[in-house]
Amino acid sequence: MQKVISVRTSMASRLGNILRRTFSAQGPSATSGDHGEGVKLWRNLTFFVALPGVALCWANAYVFAEHDHERTEFKPYSHLYIRSKPFPWGDGNHGLFHNKAVNALPEGYED
């Protein structure tokens, strides 16, 4: 009886080792034993995917965009300027990232 239990335990441990090696060898990973491949993968993704993507987004926003937009006419829509309580900064009427040239107050643009 003792021999049968030890054979089953050894077969289970062998099967467990085979499954562990199979699933951990799916590709480079930072959690696997060898970190070199995972580091190379993420470094290459950073330099060849992420940084060119940021450069393209910057070019789209600043180089190809037209910057000579005219300010839209102010229309006093009451539902856009509901203030149930004042903002906790400044005079309570300006938003946190208020821009005089673009953002209107309930009375109109600041000039």
PDB file of N, CA and C in Angstrom:
ATOM      1  N   MET A   1       0.816  -1.183   0.000  1.00  0.00           N
ATOM      2  CA  MET A   1       0.000   0.000   0.000  1.00  0.00           C
ATOM      3  C   MET A   1       0.862   1.250   0.000  1.00  0.00           C
ATOM      4  N   GLN A   2       1.926   1.233   0.772  1.00  0.00           N
ATOM      5  CA  GLN A   2       2.840   2.378   0.843  1.00  0.00           C
ATOM      6  C   GLN A   2       3.477   2.648  -0.510  1.00  0.00           C
ATOM      7  N   LYS A   3       3.821   1.616  -1.239  1.00  0.00           N
ATOM      8  CA  LYS A   3       4.452   1.763  -2.542  1.00  0.00           C
ATOM      9  C   LYS A   3       3.492   2.401  -3.545  1.00  0.00           C
ATOM     10  N   VAL A   4       2.224   2.073  -3.514  1.00  0.00           N
ATOM     11  CA  VAL A   4       1.233   2.610  -4.425  1.00  0.00           C
ATOM     12  C   VAL A   4       1.059   4.111  -4.186  1.00  0.00           C
ATOM     13  N   ILE A   5       1.014   4.541  -2.934  1.00  0.00           N
ATOM     14  CA  ILE A   5       0.847   5.951  -2.611  1.00  0.00           C
ATOM     15  C   ILE A   5       2.049   6.753  -3.088  1.00  0.00           C
ATOM     16  N   SER A   6       3.247   6.240  -2.903  1.00  0.00           N
ATOM     17  CA  SER A   6       4.445   6.966  -3.327  1.00  0.00           C
ATOM     18  C   SER A   6       4.522   7.061  -4.852  1.00  0.00           C
ATOM     19  N   VAL A   7       4.060   6.049  -5.566  1.00  0.00           N
ATOM     20  CA  VAL A   7       4.056   6.081  -7.027  1.00  0.00           C
ATOM     21  C   VAL A   7       3.064   7.137  -7.509  1.00  0.00           C
ATOM     22  N   ARG A   8       1.887   7.197  -6.887  1.00  0.00           N
ATOM     23  CA  ARG A   8       0.897   8.193  -7.271  1.00  0.00           C
ATOM     24  C   ARG A   8       1.408   9.606  -6.981  1.00  0.00           C
ATOM     25  N   THR A   9       2.033   9.797  -5.855  1.00  0.00           N
ATOM     26  CA  THR A   9       2.561  11.107  -5.493  1.00  0.00           C
ATOM     27  C   THR A   9       3.652  11.524  -6.460  1.00  0.00           C
ATOM     28  N   SER A  10       4.507  10.603  -6.829  1.00  0.00           N
ATOM     29  CA  SER A  10       5.580  10.957  -7.742  1.00  0.00           C
ATOM     30  C   SER A  10       5.029  11.246  -9.131  1.00  0.00           C
ATOM     31  N   MET A  11       3.983  10.531  -9.572  1.00  0.00           N
ATOM     32  CA  MET A  11       3.377  10.806 -10.867  1.00  0.00           C
ATOM     33  C   MET A  11       2.680  12.161 -10.850  1.00  0.00           C
ATOM     34  N   ALA A  12       2.026  12.488  -9.734  1.00  0.00           N
ATOM     35  CA  ALA A  12       1.357  13.783  -9.629  1.00  0.00           C
ATOM     36  C   ALA A  12       2.367  14.917  -9.646  1.00  0.00           C
ATOM     37  N   SER A  13       3.480  14.745  -8.976  1.00  0.00           N
ATOM     38  CA  SER A  13       4.488  15.808  -8.971  1.00  0.00           C
ATOM     39  C   SER A  13       5.122  15.956 -10.349  1.00  0.00           C
ATOM     40  N   ARG A  14       5.328  14.849 -11.041  1.00  0.00           N
ATOM     41  CA  ARG A  14       5.859  14.940 -12.404  1.00  0.00           C
ATOM     42  C   ARG A  14       4.871  15.646 -13.333  1.00  0.00           C
ATOM     43  N   LEU A  15       3.591  15.269 -13.229  1.00  0.00           N
ATOM     44  CA  LEU A  15       2.570  15.913 -14.041  1.00  0.00           C
ATOM     45  C   LEU A  15       2.482  17.404 -13.710  1.00  0.00           C
ATOM     46  N   GLY A  16       2.567  17.729 -12.435  1.00  0.00           N
ATOM     47  CA  GLY A  16       2.552  19.136 -12.030  1.00  0.00           C
ATOM     48  C   GLY A  16       3.734  19.894 -12.604  1.00  0.00           C
ATOM     49  N   ASN A  17       4.906  19.294 -12.605  1.00  0.00           N
ATOM     50  CA  ASN A  17       6.094  19.939 -13.179  1.00  0.00           C
ATOM     51  C   ASN A  17       5.928  20.152 -14.681  1.00  0.00           C
ATOM     52  N   ILE A  18       5.372  19.174 -15.369  1.00  0.00           N
ATOM     53  CA  ILE A  18       5.169  19.300 -16.820  1.00  0.00           C
ATOM     54  C   ILE A  18       4.185  20.428 -17.115  1.00  0.00           C
ATOM     55  N   LEU A  19       3.067  20.471 -16.390  1.00  0.00           N
ATOM     56  CA  LEU A  19       2.089  21.539 -16.606  1.00  0.00           C
ATOM     57  C   LEU A  19       2.674  22.915 -16.274  1.00  0.00           C
ATOM     58  N   ARG A  20       3.428  22.994 -15.191  1.00  0.00           N
ATOM     59  CA  ARG A  20       4.023  24.266 -14.806  1.00  0.00           C
ATOM     60  C   ARG A  20       4.981  24.764 -15.883  1.00  0.00           C
ATOM     61  N   ARG A  21       5.806  23.877 -16.414  1.00  0.00           N
ATOM     62  CA  ARG A  21       6.737  24.270 -17.484  1.00  0.00           C
ATOM     63  C   ARG A  21       5.996  24.650 -18.755  1.00  0.00           C
ATOM     64  N   THR A  22       4.912  23.954 -19.053  1.00  0.00           N
ATOM     65  CA  THR A  22       4.155  24.233 -20.270  1.00  0.00           C
ATOM     66  C   THR A  22       3.523  25.610 -20.211  1.00  0.00           C
ATOM     67  N   PHE A  23       2.869  25.931 -19.104  1.00  0.00           N
ATOM     68  CA  PHE A  23       2.158  27.201 -19.015  1.00  0.00           C
ATOM     69  C   PHE A  23       3.077  28.371 -18.726  1.00  0.00           C
ATOM     70  N   SER A  24       4.211  28.144 -18.105  1.00  0.00           N
ATOM     71  CA  SER A  24       5.126  29.256 -17.834  1.00  0.00           C
ATOM     72  C   SER A  24       5.996  29.571 -19.047  1.00  0.00           C
ATOM     73  N   ALA A  25       6.021  28.705 -20.035  1.00  0.00           N
ATOM     74  CA  ALA A  25       6.852  28.934 -21.217  1.00  0.00           C
ATOM     75  C   ALA A  25       6.031  29.491 -22.373  1.00  0.00           C
ATOM     76  N   GLN A  26       4.952  30.204 -22.087  1.00  0.00           N
ATOM     77  CA  GLN A  26       4.108  30.774 -23.138  1.00  0.00           C
ATOM     78  C   GLN A  26       4.798  31.928 -23.849  1.00  0.00           C
ATOM     79  N   GLY A  27       5.747  32.536 -23.261  1.00  0.00           N
ATOM     80  CA  GLY A  27       6.441  33.661 -23.858  1.00  0.00           C
ATOM     81  C   GLY A  27       7.231  34.390 -22.791  1.00  0.00           C
ATOM     82  N   PRO A  28       7.948  35.428 -23.201  1.00  0.00           N
ATOM     83  CA  PRO A  28       8.727  36.157 -22.218  1.00  0.00           C
ATOM     84  C   PRO A  28       7.814  36.827 -21.199  1.00  0.00           C
ATOM     85  N   SER A  29       8.180  36.715 -19.971  1.00  0.00           N
ATOM     86  CA  SER A  29       7.365  37.272 -18.913  1.00  0.00           C
ATOM     87  C   SER A  29       8.265  37.739 -17.783  1.00  0.00           C
ATOM     88  N   ALA A  30       7.848  38.781 -17.109  1.00  0.00           N
ATOM     89  CA  ALA A  30       8.626  39.271 -15.984  1.00  0.00           C
ATOM     90  C   ALA A  30       8.432  38.400 -14.763  1.00  0.00           C
ATOM     91  N   THR A  31       7.425  37.520 -14.773  1.00  0.00           N
ATOM     92  CA  THR A  31       7.202  36.662 -13.620  1.00  0.00           C
ATOM     93  C   THR A  31       7.886  35.314 -13.766  1.00  0.00           C
ATOM     94  N   SER A  32       8.377  34.976 -14.939  1.00  0.00           N
ATOM     95  CA  SER A  32       9.065  33.698 -15.102  1.00  0.00           C
ATOM     96  C   SER A  32      10.457  33.797 -14.502  1.00  0.00           C
ATOM     97  N   GLY A  33      11.159  32.699 -14.454  1.00  0.00           N
ATOM     98  CA  GLY A  33      12.466  32.668 -13.810  1.00  0.00           C
ATOM     99  C   GLY A  33      13.494  33.561 -14.470  1.00  0.00           C
ATOM    100  N   ASP A  34      13.536  33.603 -15.788  1.00  0.00           N
ATOM    101  CA  ASP A  34      14.514  34.415 -16.505  1.00  0.00           C
ATOM    102  C   ASP A  34      13.864  35.733 -16.892  1.00  0.00           C
ATOM    103  N   HIS A  35      14.348  36.838 -16.338  1.00  0.00           N
ATOM    104  CA  HIS A  35      13.740  38.140 -16.581  1.00  0.00           C
ATOM    105  C   HIS A  35      14.290  38.829 -17.822  1.00  0.00           C
ATOM    106  N   GLY A  36      15.326  38.310 -18.412  1.00  0.00           N
ATOM    107  CA  GLY A  36      15.968  38.976 -19.538  1.00  0.00           C
ATOM    108  C   GLY A  36      15.061  39.151 -20.740  1.00  0.00           C
ATOM    109  N   GLU A  37      14.301  38.148 -21.093  1.00  0.00           N
ATOM    110  CA  GLU A  37      13.426  38.233 -22.263  1.00  0.00           C
ATOM    111  C   GLU A  37      12.272  39.198 -22.030  1.00  0.00           C
ATOM    112  N   GLY A  38      11.703  39.206 -20.833  1.00  0.00           N
ATOM    113  CA  GLY A  38      10.609  40.119 -20.527  1.00  0.00           C
ATOM    114  C   GLY A  38      11.066  41.567 -20.551  1.00  0.00           C
ATOM    115  N   VAL A  39      12.250  41.817 -20.037  1.00  0.00           N
ATOM    116  CA  VAL A  39      12.788  43.176 -20.034  1.00  0.00           C
ATOM    117  C   VAL A  39      13.043  43.644 -21.461  1.00  0.00           C
ATOM    118  N   LYS A  40      13.592  42.776 -22.296  1.00  0.00           N
ATOM    119  CA  LYS A  40      13.844  43.130 -23.690  1.00  0.00           C
ATOM    120  C   LYS A  40      12.540  43.428 -24.424  1.00  0.00           C
ATOM    121  N   LEU A  41      11.516  42.628 -24.175  1.00  0.00           N
ATOM    122  CA  LEU A  41      10.230  42.835 -24.815  1.00  0.00           C
ATOM    123  C   LEU A  41       9.655  44.204 -24.463  1.00  0.00           C
ATOM    124  N   TRP A  42       9.622  44.544 -23.173  1.00  0.00           N
ATOM    125  CA  TRP A  42       9.029  45.815 -22.760  1.00  0.00           C
ATOM    126  C   TRP A  42       9.876  47.004 -23.169  1.00  0.00           C
ATOM    127  N   ARG A  43      11.199  46.839 -23.197  1.00  0.00           N
ATOM    128  CA  ARG A  43      12.054  47.926 -23.677  1.00  0.00           C
ATOM    129  C   ARG A  43      11.796  48.193 -25.159  1.00  0.00           C
ATOM    130  N   ASN A  44      11.702  47.132 -25.959  1.00  0.00           N
ATOM    131  CA  ASN A  44      11.422  47.297 -27.383  1.00  0.00           C
ATOM    132  C   ASN A  44      10.038  47.885 -27.620  1.00  0.00           C
ATOM    133  N   LEU A  45       9.035  47.450 -26.848  1.00  0.00           N
ATOM    134  CA  LEU A  45       7.700  48.032 -26.985  1.00  0.00           C
ATOM    135  C   LEU A  45       7.714  49.515 -26.643  1.00  0.00           C
ATOM    136  N   THR A  46       8.477  49.898 -25.631  1.00  0.00           N
ATOM    137  CA  THR A  46       8.555  51.306 -25.245  1.00  0.00           C
ATOM    138  C   THR A  46       9.178  52.137 -26.350  1.00  0.00           C
ATOM    139  N   PHE A  47      10.321  51.687 -26.877  1.00  0.00           N
ATOM    140  CA  PHE A  47      11.041  52.490 -27.863  1.00  0.00           C
ATOM    141  C   PHE A  47      10.409  52.461 -29.253  1.00  0.00           C
ATOM    142  N   PHE A  48       9.795  51.342 -29.639  1.00  0.00           N
ATOM    143  CA  PHE A  48       9.314  51.209 -31.008  1.00  0.00           C
ATOM    144  C   PHE A  48       7.799  51.321 -31.164  1.00  0.00           C
ATOM    145  N   VAL A  49       7.050  51.349 -30.053  1.00  0.00           N
ATOM    146  CA  VAL A  49       5.597  51.492 -30.139  1.00  0.00           C
ATOM    147  C   VAL A  49       5.127  52.717 -29.360  1.00  0.00           C
ATOM    148  N   ALA A  50       5.474  52.798 -28.081  1.00  0.00           N
ATOM    149  CA  ALA A  50       4.943  53.860 -27.226  1.00  0.00           C
ATOM    150  C   ALA A  50       5.497  55.233 -27.597  1.00  0.00           C
ATOM    151  N   LEU A  51       6.802  55.371 -27.692  1.00  0.00           N
ATOM    152  CA  LEU A  51       7.384  56.686 -27.990  1.00  0.00           C
ATOM    153  C   LEU A  51       7.011  57.196 -29.382  1.00  0.00           C
ATOM    154  N   PRO A  52       7.030  56.373 -30.443  1.00  0.00           N
ATOM    155  CA  PRO A  52       6.526  56.870 -31.725  1.00  0.00           C
ATOM    156  C   PRO A  52       5.037  57.223 -31.671  1.00  0.00           C
ATOM    157  N   GLY A  53       4.256  56.499 -30.876  1.00  0.00           N
ATOM    158  CA  GLY A  53       2.845  56.839 -30.728  1.00  0.00           C
ATOM    159  C   GLY A  53       2.657  58.197 -30.073  1.00  0.00           C
ATOM    160  N   VAL A  54       3.451  58.496 -29.053  1.00  0.00           N
ATOM    161  CA  VAL A  54       3.387  59.806 -28.408  1.00  0.00           C
ATOM    162  C   VAL A  54       3.811  60.895 -29.388  1.00  0.00           C
ATOM    163  N   ALA A  55       4.845  60.639 -30.186  1.00  0.00           N
ATOM    164  CA  ALA A  55       5.304  61.623 -31.165  1.00  0.00           C
ATOM    165  C   ALA A  55       4.230  61.889 -32.225  1.00  0.00           C
ATOM    166  N   LEU A  56       3.542  60.859 -32.672  1.00  0.00           N
ATOM    167  CA  LEU A  56       2.465  61.053 -33.653  1.00  0.00           C
ATOM    168  C   LEU A  56       1.302  61.844 -33.062  1.00  0.00           C
ATOM    169  N   CYS A  57       0.965  61.571 -31.825  1.00  0.00           N
ATOM    170  CA  CYS A  57      -0.116  62.326 -31.182  1.00  0.00           C
ATOM    171  C   CYS A  57       0.279  63.791 -31.025  1.00  0.00           C
ATOM    172  N   TRP A  58       1.529  64.058 -30.650  1.00  0.00           N
ATOM    173  CA  TRP A  58       1.996  65.439 -30.519  1.00  0.00           C
ATOM    174  C   TRP A  58       1.938  66.138 -31.877  1.00  0.00           C
ATOM    175  N   ALA A  59       2.395  65.468 -32.923  1.00  0.00           N
ATOM    176  CA  ALA A  59       2.380  66.066 -34.254  1.00  0.00           C
ATOM    177  C   ALA A  59       0.949  66.360 -34.692  1.00  0.00           C
ATOM    178  N   ASN A  60       0.037  65.467 -34.408  1.00  0.00           N
ATOM    179  CA  ASN A  60      -1.355  65.685 -34.773  1.00  0.00           C
ATOM    180  C   ASN A  60      -1.937  66.881 -34.024  1.00  0.00           C
ATOM    181  N   ALA A  61      -1.578  67.046 -32.771  1.00  0.00           N
ATOM    182  CA  ALA A  61      -2.162  68.108 -31.955  1.00  0.00           C
ATOM    183  C   ALA A  61      -1.552  69.469 -32.253  1.00  0.00           C
ATOM    184  N   TYR A  62      -0.258  69.552 -32.490  1.00  0.00           N
ATOM    185  CA  TYR A  62       0.407  70.844 -32.595  1.00  0.00           C
ATOM    186  C   TYR A  62       0.836  71.235 -34.003  1.00  0.00           C
ATOM    187  N   VAL A  63       1.233  70.306 -34.807  1.00  0.00           N
ATOM    188  CA  VAL A  63       1.751  70.640 -36.130  1.00  0.00           C
ATOM    189  C   VAL A  63       0.629  70.727 -37.159  1.00  0.00           C
ATOM    190  N   PHE A  64      -0.253  69.743 -37.157  1.00  0.00           N
ATOM    191  CA  PHE A  64      -1.280  69.671 -38.186  1.00  0.00           C
ATOM    192  C   PHE A  64      -2.581  70.368 -37.813  1.00  0.00           C
ATOM    193  N   ALA A  65      -2.715  70.790 -36.566  1.00  0.00           N
ATOM    194  CA  ALA A  65      -3.957  71.441 -36.140  1.00  0.00           C
ATOM    195  C   ALA A  65      -3.937  72.915 -36.527  1.00  0.00           C
ATOM    196  N   GLU A  66      -5.113  73.444 -36.806  1.00  0.00           N
ATOM    197  CA  GLU A  66      -5.233  74.861 -37.119  1.00  0.00           C
ATOM    198  C   GLU A  66      -5.452  75.604 -35.807  1.00  0.00           C
ATOM    199  N   HIS A  67      -4.645  76.634 -35.562  1.00  0.00           N
ATOM    200  CA  HIS A  67      -4.712  77.351 -34.298  1.00  0.00           C
ATOM    201  C   HIS A  67      -5.426  78.693 -34.417  1.00  0.00           C
ATOM    202  N   ASP A  68      -6.008  79.003 -35.532  1.00  0.00           N
ATOM    203  CA  ASP A  68      -6.639  80.300 -35.710  1.00  0.00           C
ATOM    204  C   ASP A  68      -8.166  80.193 -35.637  1.00  0.00           C
ATOM    205  N   HIS A  69      -8.661  79.490 -34.623  1.00  0.00           N
ATOM    206  CA  HIS A  69     -10.092  79.362 -34.435  1.00  0.00           C
ATOM    207  C   HIS A  69     -10.647  80.628 -33.800  1.00  0.00           C
ATOM    208  N   GLU A  70     -11.816  81.038 -34.236  1.00  0.00           N
ATOM    209  CA  GLU A  70     -12.466  82.181 -33.623  1.00  0.00           C
ATOM    210  C   GLU A  70     -13.330  81.704 -32.462  1.00  0.00           C
ATOM    211  N   ARG A  71     -13.464  82.549 -31.467  1.00  0.00           N
ATOM    212  CA  ARG A  71     -14.266  82.217 -30.308  1.00  0.00           C
ATOM    213  C   ARG A  71     -15.745  82.210 -30.696  1.00  0.00           C
ATOM    214  N   THR A  72     -16.470  81.226 -30.202  1.00  0.00           N
ATOM    215  CA  THR A  72     -17.890  81.120 -30.522  1.00  0.00           C
ATOM    216  C   THR A  72     -18.678  82.217 -29.817  1.00  0.00           C
ATOM    217  N   GLU A  73     -19.796  82.559 -30.392  1.00  0.00           N
ATOM    218  CA  GLU A  73     -20.646  83.587 -29.811  1.00  0.00           C
ATOM    219  C   GLU A  73     -21.261  83.076 -28.506  1.00  0.00           C
ATOM    220  N   PHE A  74     -21.297  83.939 -27.496  1.00  0.00           N
ATOM    221  CA  PHE A  74     -21.867  83.550 -26.207  1.00  0.00           C
ATOM    222  C   PHE A  74     -23.388  83.530 -26.287  1.00  0.00           C
ATOM    223  N   LYS A  75     -23.958  82.421 -25.847  1.00  0.00           N
ATOM    224  CA  LYS A  75     -25.413  82.291 -25.758  1.00  0.00           C
ATOM    225  C   LYS A  75     -25.727  81.914 -24.312  1.00  0.00           C
ATOM    226  N   PRO A  76     -26.552  82.681 -23.647  1.00  0.00           N
ATOM    227  CA  PRO A  76     -26.798  82.446 -22.211  1.00  0.00           C
ATOM    228  C   PRO A  76     -27.728  81.263 -21.952  1.00  0.00           C
ATOM    229  N   TYR A  77     -27.252  80.060 -22.202  1.00  0.00           N
ATOM    230  CA  TYR A  77     -28.037  78.872 -21.888  1.00  0.00           C
ATOM    231  C   TYR A  77     -27.974  78.662 -20.374  1.00  0.00           C
ATOM    232  N   SER A  78     -29.112  78.725 -19.718  1.00  0.00           N
ATOM    233  CA  SER A  78     -29.134  78.671 -18.255  1.00  0.00           C
ATOM    234  C   SER A  78     -28.712  77.300 -17.720  1.00  0.00           C
ATOM    235  N   HIS A  79     -28.981  76.238 -18.449  1.00  0.00           N
ATOM    236  CA  HIS A  79     -28.640  74.904 -17.947  1.00  0.00           C
ATOM    237  C   HIS A  79     -27.132  74.642 -17.931  1.00  0.00           C
ATOM    238  N   LEU A  80     -26.351  75.421 -18.658  1.00  0.00           N
ATOM    239  CA  LEU A  80     -24.903  75.232 -18.669  1.00  0.00           C
ATOM    240  C   LEU A  80     -24.209  75.907 -17.492  1.00  0.00           C
ATOM    241  N   TYR A  81     -24.887  76.827 -16.836  1.00  0.00           N
ATOM    242  CA  TYR A  81     -24.237  77.618 -15.793  1.00  0.00           C
ATOM    243  C   TYR A  81     -24.958  77.495 -14.459  1.00  0.00           C
ATOM    244  N   ILE A  82     -25.505  76.346 -14.148  1.00  0.00           N
ATOM    245  CA  ILE A  82     -26.152  76.132 -12.865  1.00  0.00           C
ATOM    246  C   ILE A  82     -25.067  75.998 -11.801  1.00  0.00           C
ATOM    247  N   ARG A  83     -25.173  76.822 -10.753  1.00  0.00           N
ATOM    248  CA  ARG A  83     -24.240  76.762  -9.631  1.00  0.00           C
ATOM    249  C   ARG A  83     -25.055  76.535  -8.369  1.00  0.00           C
ATOM    250  N   SER A  84     -25.096  75.307  -7.869  1.00  0.00           N
ATOM    251  CA  SER A  84     -25.829  75.028  -6.631  1.00  0.00           C
ATOM    252  C   SER A  84     -25.041  75.523  -5.419  1.00  0.00           C
ATOM    253  N   LYS A  85     -23.726  75.541  -5.538  1.00  0.00           N
ATOM    254  CA  LYS A  85     -22.870  76.138  -4.519  1.00  0.00           C
ATOM    255  C   LYS A  85     -21.601  76.598  -5.218  1.00  0.00           C
ATOM    256  N   PRO A  86     -20.906  77.583  -4.681  1.00  0.00           N
ATOM    257  CA  PRO A  86     -19.716  78.103  -5.359  1.00  0.00           C
ATOM    258  C   PRO A  86     -18.562  77.090  -5.335  1.00  0.00           C
ATOM    259  N   PHE A  87     -17.665  77.223  -6.304  1.00  0.00           N
ATOM    260  CA  PHE A  87     -16.476  76.387  -6.316  1.00  0.00           C
ATOM    261  C   PHE A  87     -15.625  76.702  -5.086  1.00  0.00           C
ATOM    262  N   PRO A  88     -14.895  75.736  -4.544  1.00  0.00           N
ATOM    263  CA  PRO A  88     -14.130  75.993  -3.317  1.00  0.00           C
ATOM    264  C   PRO A  88     -12.818  76.748  -3.543  1.00  0.00           C
ATOM    265  N   TRP A  89     -12.538  77.225  -4.724  1.00  0.00           N
ATOM    266  CA  TRP A  89     -11.301  77.969  -4.988  1.00  0.00           C
ATOM    267  C   TRP A  89     -11.649  79.317  -5.618  1.00  0.00           C
ATOM    268  N   GLY A  90     -10.747  80.243  -5.487  1.00  0.00           N
ATOM    269  CA  GLY A  90     -10.909  81.553  -6.111  1.00  0.00           C
ATOM    270  C   GLY A  90     -12.171  82.267  -5.661  1.00  0.00           C
ATOM    271  N   ASP A  91     -12.849  82.904  -6.591  1.00  0.00           N
ATOM    272  CA  ASP A  91     -14.067  83.647  -6.261  1.00  0.00           C
ATOM    273  C   ASP A  91     -15.304  82.757  -6.274  1.00  0.00           C
ATOM    274  N   GLY A  92     -15.164  81.484  -6.587  1.00  0.00           N
ATOM    275  CA  GLY A  92     -16.290  80.554  -6.578  1.00  0.00           C
ATOM    276  C   GLY A  92     -17.047  80.482  -7.884  1.00  0.00           C
ATOM    277  N   ASN A  93     -16.703  81.318  -8.853  1.00  0.00           N
ATOM    278  CA  ASN A  93     -17.428  81.338 -10.119  1.00  0.00           C
ATOM    279  C   ASN A  93     -16.602  80.770 -11.271  1.00  0.00           C
ATOM    280  N   HIS A  94     -15.278  80.767 -11.141  1.00  0.00           N
ATOM    281  CA  HIS A  94     -14.396  80.242 -12.191  1.00  0.00           C
ATOM    282  C   HIS A  94     -14.118  78.766 -11.937  1.00  0.00           C
ATOM    283  N   GLY A  95     -14.067  77.971 -13.006  1.00  0.00           N
ATOM    284  CA  GLY A  95     -13.702  76.573 -12.866  1.00  0.00           C
ATOM    285  C   GLY A  95     -12.240  76.434 -12.494  1.00  0.00           C
ATOM    286  N   LEU A  96     -11.815  75.222 -12.143  1.00  0.00           N
ATOM    287  CA  LEU A  96     -10.442  75.003 -11.708  1.00  0.00           C
ATOM    288  C   LEU A  96      -9.447  75.307 -12.828  1.00  0.00           C
ATOM    289  N   PHE A  97      -9.746  74.945 -14.058  1.00  0.00           N
ATOM    290  CA  PHE A  97      -8.861  75.196 -15.192  1.00  0.00           C
ATOM    291  C   PHE A  97      -9.491  76.242 -16.116  1.00  0.00           C
ATOM    292  N   HIS A  98      -9.877  77.359 -15.579  1.00  0.00           N
ATOM    293  CA  HIS A  98     -10.559  78.406 -16.328  1.00  0.00           C
ATOM    294  C   HIS A  98      -9.591  79.117 -17.265  1.00  0.00           C
ATOM    295  N   ASN A  99     -10.030  79.346 -18.501  1.00  0.00           N
ATOM    296  CA  ASN A  99      -9.252  80.065 -19.496  1.00  0.00           C
ATOM    297  C   ASN A  99     -10.115  81.219 -19.995  1.00  0.00           C
ATOM    298  N   LYS A 100      -9.652  82.448 -19.805  1.00  0.00           N
ATOM    299  CA  LYS A 100     -10.439  83.631 -20.168  1.00  0.00           C
ATOM    300  C   LYS A 100     -10.805  83.661 -21.646  1.00  0.00           C
ATOM    301  N   ALA A 101      -9.930  83.148 -22.493  1.00  0.00           N
ATOM    302  CA  ALA A 101     -10.157  83.220 -23.933  1.00  0.00           C
ATOM    303  C   ALA A 101     -11.182  82.211 -24.423  1.00  0.00           C
ATOM    304  N   VAL A 102     -11.384  81.136 -23.699  1.00  0.00           N
ATOM    305  CA  VAL A 102     -12.229  80.048 -24.201  1.00  0.00           C
ATOM    306  C   VAL A 102     -13.468  79.824 -23.345  1.00  0.00           C
ATOM    307  N   ASN A 103     -13.324  79.878 -22.019  1.00  0.00           N
ATOM    308  CA  ASN A 103     -14.414  79.539 -21.121  1.00  0.00           C
ATOM    309  C   ASN A 103     -15.222  80.775 -20.744  1.00  0.00           C
ATOM    310  N   ALA A 104     -16.522  80.682 -20.902  1.00  0.00           N
ATOM    311  CA  ALA A 104     -17.403  81.794 -20.543  1.00  0.00           C
ATOM    312  C   ALA A 104     -17.931  81.609 -19.128  1.00  0.00           C
ATOM    313  N   LEU A 105     -18.249  82.730 -18.492  1.00  0.00           N
ATOM    314  CA  LEU A 105     -18.917  82.741 -17.200  1.00  0.00           C
ATOM    315  C   LEU A 105     -20.415  82.857 -17.456  1.00  0.00           C
ATOM    316  N   PRO A 106     -21.247  82.752 -16.435  1.00  0.00           N
ATOM    317  CA  PRO A 106     -22.691  82.890 -16.666  1.00  0.00           C
ATOM    318  C   PRO A 106     -23.085  84.238 -17.288  1.00  0.00           C
ATOM    319  N   GLU A 107     -22.278  85.278 -17.055  1.00  0.00           N
ATOM    320  CA  GLU A 107     -22.569  86.599 -17.634  1.00  0.00           C
ATOM    321  C   GLU A 107     -22.002  86.777 -19.026  1.00  0.00           C
ATOM    322  N   GLY A 108     -21.074  85.942 -19.433  1.00  0.00           N
ATOM    323  CA  GLY A 108     -20.437  86.068 -20.744  1.00  0.00           C
ATOM    324  C   GLY A 108     -18.921  85.926 -20.623  1.00  0.00           C
ATOM    325  N   TYR A 109     -18.223  86.202 -21.727  1.00  0.00           N
ATOM    326  CA  TYR A 109     -16.759  86.093 -21.728  1.00  0.00           C
ATOM    327  C   TYR A 109     -16.133  87.253 -20.974  1.00  0.00           C
ATOM    328  N   GLU A 110     -14.967  87.002 -20.389  1.00  0.00           N
ATOM    329  CA  GLU A 110     -14.204  88.057 -19.726  1.00  0.00           C
ATOM    330  C   GLU A 110     -13.330  88.738 -20.782  1.00  0.00           C
ATOM    331  N   ASP A 111     -13.399  90.025 -20.880  1.00  0.00           N
ATOM    332  CA  ASP A 111     -12.518  90.734 -21.823  1.00  0.00           C
ATOM    333  C   ASP A 111     -11.866  91.912 -21.172  1.00  0.00           C
TER     334      ASP A 111
END
